[in-house]
Protein backbone atom coordinates (compact mmCIF):
# COMPACT_ATOMS: atom_id res chain seq x y z
CA MET A 1 -81.38 117.93 220.43
CA THR A 2 -79.30 116.05 223.01
CA VAL A 3 -76.45 113.94 222.23
CA GLU A 4 -78.20 110.93 222.97
CA GLU A 5 -80.86 111.76 220.35
CA ASP A 6 -77.92 112.66 217.79
CA ARG A 7 -76.76 109.36 218.13
CA GLU A 8 -80.04 107.53 217.40
CA THR A 9 -80.53 109.46 214.50
CA ASP A 10 -77.07 108.54 213.00
CA LYS A 11 -77.82 105.04 213.85
CA ASP A 12 -81.21 105.00 212.07
CA GLU A 13 -79.51 106.48 209.18
CA VAL A 14 -76.90 103.76 208.94
CA LEU A 15 -79.45 100.98 209.43
CA ALA A 16 -81.30 102.45 206.34
CA HIS A 17 -78.36 102.65 204.37
CA GLN A 18 -77.37 98.84 205.21
CA SER A 19 -80.94 97.93 204.40
CA ASP A 20 -80.81 99.51 200.80
CA ILE A 21 -77.45 97.79 200.40
CA LEU A 22 -78.88 94.27 201.27
CA GLN A 23 -82.09 95.13 198.96
CA GLU A 24 -80.07 95.95 196.10
CA HIS A 25 -77.91 92.98 196.90
CA SER A 26 -81.04 90.66 196.82
CA ASP A 27 -82.49 92.09 193.54
CA GLY A 28 -78.97 91.09 192.08
CA LEU A 29 -79.27 87.79 193.45
CA ALA A 30 -82.71 87.06 192.10
CA SER A 31 -82.00 88.48 188.70
CA GLY A 32 -79.12 85.92 188.37
CA ALA A 33 -81.19 83.14 190.00
CA GLU A 34 -82.60 81.66 186.81
CA GLN A 35 -79.19 81.60 184.95
CA TRP A 36 -77.67 80.03 188.26
CA ASN A 37 -80.31 77.22 188.23
CA GLU A 38 -79.90 76.65 184.42
CA ARG A 39 -76.44 76.50 184.94
CA GLU A 40 -76.78 73.87 187.76
CA SER A 41 -79.29 71.78 185.98
CA ARG A 42 -77.00 71.76 182.97
CA ASN A 43 -74.18 70.04 185.09
CA GLU A 44 -76.70 67.65 185.66
CA LEU A 45 -78.03 64.59 183.17
CA LYS A 46 -81.57 63.40 184.17
CA HIS A 47 -81.90 59.87 183.33
CA VAL A 48 -85.43 59.17 182.04
CA SER A 49 -87.48 55.99 183.33
CA GLY A 50 -89.92 54.08 181.57
CA LEU A 51 -87.95 53.56 178.18
CA GLY A 52 -87.78 50.29 176.35
CA GLU A 53 -90.89 49.28 177.39
CA MET A 54 -93.00 49.16 173.99
CA GLN A 55 -94.33 45.56 173.69
CA ASP A 56 -95.13 43.52 170.70
CA VAL A 57 -92.08 44.38 168.68
CA SER A 58 -89.87 41.28 168.53
CA ASP A 59 -92.03 39.47 165.69
CA VAL A 60 -91.21 41.84 162.69
CA GLU A 61 -89.29 40.21 160.04
CA TYR A 62 -86.64 42.81 159.82
CA ARG A 63 -85.57 42.38 163.34
CA LYS A 64 -84.19 39.15 162.86
CA VAL A 65 -80.63 40.68 162.51
CA ARG A 66 -78.45 42.01 165.45
CA LEU A 67 -80.39 44.65 167.24
CA GLU A 68 -78.44 47.86 167.78
CA ARG A 69 -78.04 49.23 171.40
CA VAL A 70 -78.88 53.09 171.46
CA VAL A 71 -78.45 55.61 173.89
CA LEU A 72 -81.33 58.53 173.76
CA VAL A 73 -80.06 62.21 174.26
CA GLY A 74 -82.54 65.25 174.60
CA VAL A 75 -81.90 68.94 175.36
CA TRP A 76 -84.93 70.79 176.67
CA SER A 77 -85.26 74.63 177.75
CA ASN A 78 -88.09 76.28 179.86
CA ALA A 79 -88.78 78.63 177.09
CA ASP A 80 -89.59 75.76 174.45
CA THR A 81 -91.36 73.08 176.72
CA THR A 82 -91.71 71.75 180.24
CA ILE A 83 -89.71 68.73 181.84
CA GLU A 84 -92.82 66.43 181.35
CA GLN A 85 -93.33 67.13 178.02
CA ALA A 86 -89.71 66.69 177.37
CA GLU A 87 -89.80 63.25 178.88
CA GLU A 88 -92.82 62.47 176.88
CA SER A 89 -90.70 63.29 173.59
CA LEU A 90 -88.00 61.07 174.83
CA ARG A 91 -90.51 58.10 175.11
CA GLU A 92 -91.91 58.65 172.00
CA LEU A 93 -88.28 58.58 170.45
CA ALA A 94 -87.70 55.18 172.46
CA ALA A 95 -90.85 53.93 170.65
CA LEU A 96 -89.64 55.08 167.35
CA ALA A 97 -85.97 53.31 168.00
CA GLN A 98 -87.49 50.00 168.78
CA THR A 99 -89.75 50.09 165.85
CA ALA A 100 -86.54 50.94 163.79
CA GLY A 101 -85.29 47.60 165.49
CA ALA A 102 -82.86 48.83 168.39
CA VAL A 103 -82.68 48.14 171.94
CA VAL A 104 -82.82 51.35 174.13
CA CYS A 105 -80.44 51.01 176.99
CA ASP A 106 -80.42 54.49 178.57
CA GLY A 107 -82.20 57.87 177.83
CA VAL A 108 -80.79 61.12 179.30
CA LEU A 109 -82.21 64.81 179.26
CA GLN A 110 -79.84 68.03 179.63
CA HIS A 111 -81.74 71.42 180.66
CA ARG A 112 -80.11 74.17 178.87
CA LEU A 113 -81.09 77.76 177.25
CA LYS A 114 -80.45 76.12 173.84
CA PRO A 115 -78.31 73.18 172.33
CA ASP A 116 -74.88 73.68 171.77
CA ALA A 117 -73.91 75.01 168.52
CA ALA A 118 -70.89 72.43 168.41
CA THR A 119 -71.82 69.34 169.93
CA TYR A 120 -75.25 69.77 170.78
CA VAL A 121 -74.67 68.94 174.42
CA GLY A 122 -71.78 70.55 175.11
CA ARG A 123 -68.03 69.34 175.42
CA GLY A 124 -68.16 67.99 178.89
CA LYS A 125 -71.62 66.44 178.60
CA ALA A 126 -70.40 64.78 175.47
CA GLU A 127 -67.47 63.17 177.18
CA GLU A 128 -70.01 61.86 180.04
CA ILE A 129 -72.67 60.57 177.40
CA SER A 130 -69.78 58.54 175.96
CA GLY A 131 -68.85 56.98 179.67
CA ILE A 132 -72.69 56.05 179.23
CA VAL A 133 -72.31 54.36 175.73
CA ALA A 134 -69.15 52.68 177.00
CA ARG A 135 -70.97 51.20 180.18
CA CYS A 136 -74.21 50.10 178.26
CA GLU A 137 -71.96 48.63 175.40
CA ALA A 138 -74.27 50.80 173.12
CA ASP A 139 -73.60 51.10 169.15
CA THR A 140 -75.69 54.44 168.49
CA ILE A 141 -76.64 57.76 170.04
CA VAL A 142 -80.16 59.01 169.09
CA VAL A 143 -80.66 62.44 169.59
CA ASP A 144 -84.18 63.72 170.08
CA GLY A 145 -83.96 66.65 167.51
CA ASP A 146 -82.75 67.58 164.45
CA LEU A 147 -78.84 67.69 164.15
CA ALA A 148 -76.71 69.91 162.10
CA PRO A 149 -74.14 68.00 160.39
CA SER A 150 -71.16 69.71 162.12
CA GLN A 151 -72.82 68.66 165.42
CA ARG A 152 -73.45 65.27 164.35
CA ARG A 153 -69.44 64.88 163.28
CA ALA A 154 -68.48 66.65 166.50
CA LEU A 155 -70.63 64.40 168.69
CA GLU A 156 -69.43 61.24 166.78
CA ASP A 157 -65.79 62.37 167.49
CA ALA A 158 -66.36 62.64 171.15
CA ALA A 159 -68.51 59.82 171.84
CA LYS A 160 -66.48 57.50 169.31
CA VAL A 161 -70.01 55.79 168.19
CA LYS A 162 -72.48 56.27 165.52
CA VAL A 163 -74.72 59.51 166.02
CA VAL A 164 -78.11 59.82 164.38
CA ASP A 165 -80.91 62.19 164.86
CA ARG A 166 -84.69 62.03 165.11
CA THR A 167 -85.26 62.61 161.52
CA ALA A 168 -83.08 59.84 160.54
CA VAL A 169 -84.73 57.15 162.69
CA ILE A 170 -88.12 58.11 161.08
CA LEU A 171 -86.67 57.77 157.78
CA ASP A 172 -85.39 54.37 158.65
CA ILE A 173 -88.74 53.46 159.66
CA PHE A 174 -90.42 54.61 156.74
CA ALA A 175 -87.81 52.58 154.62
CA ALA A 176 -88.49 49.40 156.61
CA HIS A 177 -92.12 49.47 156.12
CA ALA A 178 -92.78 50.83 152.64
CA THR A 179 -93.79 48.09 150.08
CA SER A 180 -95.52 49.76 147.16
CA ARG A 181 -93.43 50.83 144.29
CA GLU A 182 -94.40 54.27 144.84
CA GLY A 183 -94.07 54.14 148.76
CA LYS A 184 -90.30 52.81 148.28
CA ALA A 185 -89.60 55.60 145.60
CA GLN A 186 -90.82 58.60 148.21
CA VAL A 187 -89.07 57.02 150.92
CA GLU A 188 -86.08 56.94 148.82
CA LEU A 189 -86.43 60.54 147.80
CA ALA A 190 -86.65 61.59 151.37
CA GLN A 191 -83.68 59.74 152.28
CA LEU A 192 -81.30 61.37 149.80
CA GLU A 193 -82.81 64.90 150.16
CA TYR A 194 -81.96 64.18 153.87
CA MET A 195 -78.32 62.62 153.33
CA LEU A 196 -77.23 64.97 150.64
CA PRO A 197 -76.03 67.93 152.88
CA ARG A 198 -74.78 65.36 155.47
CA LEU A 199 -72.27 63.62 153.36
CA ARG A 200 -68.79 63.20 154.92
CA GLY A 201 -65.34 62.54 153.11
CA TRP A 202 -62.93 60.22 154.22
CA GLY A 203 -59.21 60.77 153.30
CA GLY A 204 -58.93 63.52 150.84
CA SER A 205 -55.61 62.06 149.64
CA LEU A 206 -57.57 58.68 148.41
CA SER A 207 -60.55 60.61 147.07
CA ARG A 208 -59.21 62.55 143.81
CA GLN A 209 -60.23 61.44 140.47
CA ALA A 210 -57.26 61.51 138.14
CA GLY A 211 -55.96 65.02 139.36
CA GLY A 212 -52.46 66.19 139.00
CA GLN A 213 -49.83 63.54 138.49
CA SER A 214 -52.12 60.89 139.56
CA ALA A 215 -53.34 61.30 135.96
CA GLY A 216 -50.00 60.02 134.68
CA VAL A 217 -47.80 61.20 131.83
CA ASN A 218 -49.92 59.70 129.29
CA GLY A 219 -53.08 61.18 130.63
CA GLY A 220 -53.09 63.95 127.94
CA ILE A 221 -54.32 67.68 127.78
CA GLY A 222 -57.60 67.90 130.02
CA SER A 223 -56.74 65.10 132.51
CA ARG A 224 -54.43 67.24 134.66
CA GLY A 225 -55.85 69.39 137.59
CA PRO A 226 -57.17 69.00 140.90
CA GLY A 227 -59.76 66.37 140.03
CA GLU A 228 -63.11 65.58 141.17
CA THR A 229 -63.13 64.46 144.85
CA GLN A 230 -65.09 61.43 146.07
CA ILE A 231 -67.62 63.43 148.16
CA GLU A 232 -68.12 65.80 145.08
CA LEU A 233 -68.64 62.39 142.91
CA ASP A 234 -70.84 61.30 145.81
CA ARG A 235 -73.17 64.48 145.43
CA ARG A 236 -73.29 64.49 141.76
CA VAL A 237 -74.56 60.87 142.17
CA ILE A 238 -77.27 61.78 144.87
CA ARG A 239 -78.53 64.67 142.87
CA THR A 240 -79.07 62.53 139.52
CA ARG A 241 -80.55 60.04 141.55
CA ILE A 242 -82.94 62.69 143.30
CA SER A 243 -83.98 63.86 139.85
CA ARG A 244 -85.10 60.38 138.49
CA LEU A 245 -86.85 59.78 141.38
CA LYS A 246 -88.99 62.97 141.29
CA LYS A 247 -89.66 62.00 137.67
CA GLN A 248 -90.53 58.65 138.58
CA ILE A 249 -93.17 60.11 141.08
CA ARG A 250 -94.62 62.39 138.54
CA GLN A 251 -95.21 59.35 136.25
CA MET A 252 -97.07 57.84 138.84
CA ALA A 253 -99.38 60.71 139.76
CA PRO A 254 -101.71 59.81 136.82
CA ALA A 255 -101.93 56.24 138.36
CA ARG A 256 -103.39 57.90 141.46
CA ALA A 257 -105.65 60.20 139.53
CA VAL A 258 -107.19 57.47 137.58
CA LYS A 259 -107.99 55.40 141.07
CA ARG A 260 -109.55 58.40 142.43
CA GLY A 261 -111.49 59.54 139.33
CA SER A 262 -112.80 56.03 139.19
CA ARG A 263 -114.45 56.64 142.67
CA HIS A 264 -115.53 60.38 141.55
CA ARG A 265 -117.20 58.96 138.32
CA TYR A 266 -119.36 56.69 140.33
CA GLY A 267 -120.16 59.39 143.25
CA LEU A 268 -118.20 57.20 145.89
CA PRO A 269 -118.02 59.29 148.96
CA THR A 270 -114.56 59.00 150.58
CA VAL A 271 -113.62 59.02 154.31
CA ALA A 272 -109.94 60.03 155.07
CA VAL A 273 -108.95 58.45 158.17
CA VAL A 274 -105.94 60.54 159.64
CA GLY A 275 -104.36 60.52 163.14
CA TYR A 276 -101.04 60.14 165.12
CA THR A 277 -98.91 57.22 164.26
CA ASN A 278 -100.11 54.19 166.45
CA ALA A 279 -103.37 55.66 166.88
CA GLY A 280 -105.00 52.64 165.85
CA LYS A 281 -106.50 53.93 162.83
CA SER A 282 -105.95 50.38 160.61
CA SER A 283 -107.65 48.63 163.34
CA LEU A 284 -110.68 50.91 163.52
CA VAL A 285 -111.08 50.76 159.66
CA ASN A 286 -110.88 46.88 160.02
CA ARG A 287 -113.88 47.35 162.40
CA LEU A 288 -115.73 49.56 160.13
CA THR A 289 -115.69 47.88 157.24
CA ASN A 290 -114.80 44.15 158.23
CA SER A 291 -111.83 43.82 156.24
CA GLY A 292 -108.21 42.69 157.05
CA GLU A 293 -105.76 45.40 156.94
CA LEU A 294 -102.52 45.18 158.28
CA VAL A 295 -102.36 46.21 161.97
CA GLY A 296 -99.30 46.03 164.57
CA ASN A 297 -98.35 47.62 167.92
CA ALA A 298 -95.62 49.58 165.68
CA LEU A 299 -95.06 53.15 164.92
CA PHE A 300 -95.70 53.87 161.05
CA ALA A 301 -97.07 50.14 160.26
CA THR A 302 -99.04 51.60 157.45
CA LEU A 303 -97.29 53.48 155.00
CA ASP A 304 -99.29 52.51 151.78
CA THR A 305 -102.50 54.37 151.41
CA ALA A 306 -105.30 51.60 151.46
CA VAL A 307 -108.87 52.06 150.44
CA ARG A 308 -111.76 49.87 151.93
CA ARG A 309 -115.32 50.05 150.80
CA ALA A 310 -118.32 50.07 153.58
CA LYS A 311 -122.14 49.97 153.07
CA ALA A 312 -124.00 52.54 154.97
CA GLY A 313 -127.28 52.20 156.55
CA ASP A 314 -129.40 53.40 153.41
CA GLY A 315 -127.54 51.05 151.27
CA ARG A 316 -125.02 53.42 149.91
CA LEU A 317 -121.57 52.79 149.44
CA TYR A 318 -118.77 54.70 150.39
CA ALA A 319 -114.73 54.10 151.02
CA TYR A 320 -112.59 54.54 154.21
CA VAL A 321 -108.96 55.60 153.15
CA ASP A 322 -106.47 54.59 155.52
CA THR A 323 -103.65 57.37 155.50
CA VAL A 324 -99.75 57.26 156.70
CA GLY A 325 -99.70 58.20 160.48
CA PHE A 326 -98.46 61.47 161.53
CA VAL A 327 -95.91 62.51 164.55
CA ARG A 328 -94.47 65.49 166.24
CA ARG A 329 -91.78 67.14 164.25
CA LEU A 330 -92.38 64.88 161.08
CA PRO A 331 -89.65 65.39 158.61
CA THR A 332 -90.20 68.15 155.98
CA GLN A 333 -88.72 65.79 153.63
CA LEU A 334 -91.27 62.96 154.34
CA VAL A 335 -94.12 65.74 154.14
CA GLU A 336 -93.20 66.63 150.73
CA ALA A 337 -92.60 62.93 149.39
CA PHE A 338 -95.94 61.45 150.82
CA LYS A 339 -97.96 63.91 148.83
CA SER A 340 -100.20 60.87 147.57
CA SER A 341 -101.51 60.47 151.33
CA LEU A 342 -102.16 64.27 151.44
CA GLU A 343 -103.77 64.11 148.00
CA GLU A 344 -106.37 61.79 149.23
CA ILE A 345 -107.41 63.83 152.30
CA ASP A 346 -107.61 66.97 150.14
CA GLU A 347 -110.03 64.92 147.87
CA ALA A 348 -111.99 63.40 150.67
CA ASP A 349 -115.57 64.08 151.90
CA VAL A 350 -115.20 63.48 155.58
CA ILE A 351 -111.95 63.58 157.52
CA LEU A 352 -111.88 60.88 160.41
CA HIS A 353 -109.52 62.11 163.07
CA VAL A 354 -108.25 59.36 165.21
CA VAL A 355 -106.60 59.81 168.70
CA ASP A 356 -105.05 57.62 171.18
CA ALA A 357 -107.00 58.07 174.42
CA SER A 358 -104.61 56.20 176.22
CA THR A 359 -101.25 58.43 175.63
CA VAL A 360 -100.17 60.73 178.32
CA ASP A 361 -100.91 63.94 176.26
CA PRO A 362 -103.75 63.17 173.65
CA PHE A 363 -104.10 66.74 172.89
CA ALA A 364 -100.68 67.22 171.74
CA GLN A 365 -101.03 64.65 169.03
CA ILE A 366 -104.14 66.16 167.86
CA GLU A 367 -102.34 69.74 167.72
CA ALA A 368 -99.54 67.81 165.82
CA VAL A 369 -101.91 66.33 163.19
CA ASN A 370 -103.81 69.56 162.89
CA ASP A 371 -100.32 71.40 162.05
CA VAL A 372 -100.07 69.15 159.13
CA LEU A 373 -103.69 69.31 158.17
CA SER A 374 -103.21 73.04 157.99
CA GLY A 375 -100.68 72.74 155.30
CA ILE A 376 -103.28 70.95 152.90
CA ASP A 377 -105.34 73.49 150.89
CA GLY A 378 -109.13 73.08 151.46
CA ALA A 379 -108.87 70.50 154.26
CA SER A 380 -109.91 73.02 157.00
CA ASP A 381 -113.54 73.13 154.73
CA ILE A 382 -113.99 69.61 154.88
CA PRO A 383 -116.42 67.79 157.60
CA SER A 384 -114.56 66.47 160.05
CA ILE A 385 -115.21 63.70 163.24
CA LEU A 386 -113.18 63.19 166.29
CA ALA A 387 -112.80 59.82 167.56
CA PHE A 388 -110.91 58.89 170.84
CA ASN A 389 -109.63 55.10 170.30
CA LYS A 390 -108.25 52.47 172.49
CA VAL A 391 -110.76 53.59 175.54
CA ASP A 392 -110.56 50.25 176.48
CA GLN A 393 -107.20 50.91 177.95
CA VAL A 394 -108.09 53.95 180.19
CA ASP A 395 -110.42 54.23 183.42
CA GLN A 396 -113.65 56.07 183.45
CA ALA A 397 -112.20 59.17 185.14
CA THR A 398 -110.26 59.65 181.98
CA ILE A 399 -113.09 59.13 179.48
CA ASP A 400 -115.12 61.58 181.38
CA ARG A 401 -112.18 64.35 181.19
CA LEU A 402 -111.84 63.70 177.55
CA SER A 403 -115.64 63.86 177.15
CA ASN A 404 -115.88 67.19 178.95
CA ILE A 405 -113.03 68.95 177.14
CA ARG A 406 -114.28 67.74 173.48
CA PRO A 407 -118.02 66.72 173.93
CA ASP A 408 -118.43 66.52 170.03
CA ALA A 409 -115.95 63.45 170.13
CA VAL A 410 -116.91 59.74 169.97
CA MET A 411 -115.30 57.32 172.32
CA VAL A 412 -114.32 53.96 170.50
CA SER A 413 -112.39 51.08 170.98
CA ALA A 414 -111.19 48.90 167.97
CA ALA A 415 -110.18 46.21 170.16
CA ASP A 416 -113.36 45.24 171.61
CA GLY A 417 -115.64 47.13 169.36
CA SER A 418 -117.40 49.45 171.56
CA GLY A 419 -118.57 52.69 170.39
CA VAL A 420 -117.90 51.62 166.75
CA GLU A 421 -121.38 51.68 165.70
CA LYS A 422 -122.12 55.01 167.12
CA LEU A 423 -118.87 56.24 165.43
CA ARG A 424 -120.49 54.52 162.30
CA ILE A 425 -123.78 56.49 162.42
CA ALA A 426 -122.05 59.73 162.88
CA VAL A 427 -119.59 59.27 159.72
CA GLU A 428 -122.77 58.19 157.59
CA GLN A 429 -124.50 61.43 158.53
CA LEU A 430 -121.68 63.40 157.56
CA LEU A 431 -121.63 61.80 153.90
CA PRO A 432 -122.63 64.24 151.27
CA ILE A 433 -126.04 63.47 149.40
CA PRO A 434 -125.91 63.43 145.57
CA LYS A 435 -127.37 66.62 144.19
CA VAL A 436 -129.38 65.66 141.26
CA HIS A 437 -133.15 64.52 142.03
CA VAL A 438 -134.56 62.11 139.45
CA GLU A 439 -137.80 60.64 138.90
CA ALA A 440 -137.99 57.83 136.25
CA LEU A 441 -139.71 54.67 134.97
CA LEU A 442 -136.91 51.99 134.11
CA PRO A 443 -138.01 49.24 131.65
CA TYR A 444 -137.50 45.60 133.14
CA GLY A 445 -134.51 44.16 131.60
CA ASP A 446 -130.65 43.42 131.92
CA GLU A 447 -129.56 46.85 131.34
CA ALA A 448 -131.95 48.47 133.69
CA GLY A 449 -131.47 46.02 136.33
CA SER A 450 -127.62 46.95 136.52
CA LEU A 451 -128.36 50.63 136.53
CA LEU A 452 -130.76 50.48 139.35
CA SER A 453 -128.30 48.18 141.18
CA ARG A 454 -125.62 51.21 140.63
CA VAL A 455 -128.45 53.57 141.84
CA ARG A 456 -128.83 51.56 144.96
CA GLN A 457 -124.97 51.68 145.85
CA TYR A 458 -124.17 55.23 144.82
CA GLY A 459 -127.26 57.34 145.30
CA LYS A 460 -130.10 57.73 147.85
CA VAL A 461 -133.16 55.78 146.65
CA GLU A 462 -136.14 57.85 148.37
CA LYS A 463 -138.89 55.58 146.41
CA GLU A 464 -138.93 52.37 144.48
CA GLU A 465 -142.06 50.83 143.16
CA TYR A 466 -142.71 48.05 140.70
CA LEU A 467 -145.05 48.46 138.02
CA ALA A 468 -146.68 46.71 135.13
CA GLU A 469 -144.56 48.94 132.57
CA GLY A 470 -141.28 48.89 134.69
CA VAL A 471 -139.68 49.84 137.97
CA ALA A 472 -140.68 53.55 139.13
CA ILE A 473 -137.73 55.24 140.94
CA GLU A 474 -137.31 58.48 142.94
CA ALA A 475 -133.53 59.02 143.90
CA ASP A 476 -130.90 61.62 144.40
CA VAL A 477 -127.72 60.78 142.38
CA ASP A 478 -124.75 62.42 140.85
CA SER A 479 -124.73 63.82 137.38
CA HIS A 480 -123.21 60.87 135.80
CA LEU A 481 -125.77 58.36 137.22
CA ALA A 482 -128.76 60.96 136.16
CA ALA A 483 -127.59 61.11 132.86
CA GLN A 484 -127.72 57.08 132.53
CA VAL A 485 -131.04 56.89 134.26
CA MET A 486 -132.91 59.69 132.13
CA GLY A 487 -131.33 58.02 129.10
CA LEU A 488 -132.81 54.66 129.77
CA ALA A 489 -136.37 55.98 131.33
CA VAL A 490 -139.85 55.29 129.69
CA ASP A 491 -141.31 58.53 128.20
């Protein structure tokens, strides 16, 4: 081998070694790219547009007072969601805040692996958000998530304004919309259970009750000692109130059972109308029953269960039960408190699931509702029908896409009435048929006439013939009506 060949070989070995070093360095850069990108995005707050555009919210009576000015804050990570889903969640929070009576000034998102354990967004970002709050002259920061008590206090101390989380906003809306005695008790119970671990003491020196020398020399034996702080007293008062509310709600349960019992006694089938909040459930019930239930372009406009009767094509009566709307990350306190609505779903014969077709991601709403329904015993065994509402607000391409994904769904519009008749027929086809078949001859008279009327309303009449001896009927009814018919029949 010549000297020149040796030099060429050494040169090739050096180049190969350098290539290996560069490859190892490149692999190291790639492994740290994700962390670097997360660090870079954490240093930048993303302002979300399109907030504060919800319409028809100025006519609600409880908004006559001065409206709070709020700034929305959210944190998202690639492991949990996408940027589009995070922005949609923040827009939903904006709608919640407006429904609660606030003016949304700005909304920002921070991308990080997980929320900061101390201030949720980190100390530096908390100071930056404080500057946004000052520029907007905002009163409150609303966080799109559940804050630990320590996180809320730290963020309040950093931003120098009140801080509330998503759960607090939903509870406030429920408190404003509840009208019945039971609904108010349920909301108060949920609020107190939410408030209990989040109480904050203000000044320990002023909060002691008759402890130490403050009891005075005439306090006597048993009055000296550290005493009970104000925050301890507040917790005791709240626990006592929670116990009383739970007792009151338990006492209201028999009244609900009586109302449901009257429907079951006459064999009245029920259709539970469920869905995401502001999906148009009440408007659709109004169309299906020609009633005047409260409707409004506001989240959680319906909190108290409403029952509306309807007549099927064969003359039978049945009822639509309008229930409270659901929402993503519905507070567990509310799910527990609003058991009356969940009981109505459990007792229903058919479930009508209403979805807002005009929303950005209707299938995310379907999933959120199904998550709540999965926690109800027996709900999976109840026949159900899916209805995409507000199709008048979307184009034909969207309707075609929804129809292709869910061919079993019915496209309707409560606003203009399109598709409502098709939905009514689909619902009535799922209604249960009474199980007892009767053939009888009823004599003429007031008692038989009243009974025959109930058979037409609550049963399915197959044959009705007027004879000289009386009315010959053949019908399917429940066991209660069957006993009455056979007891009055002519032998």
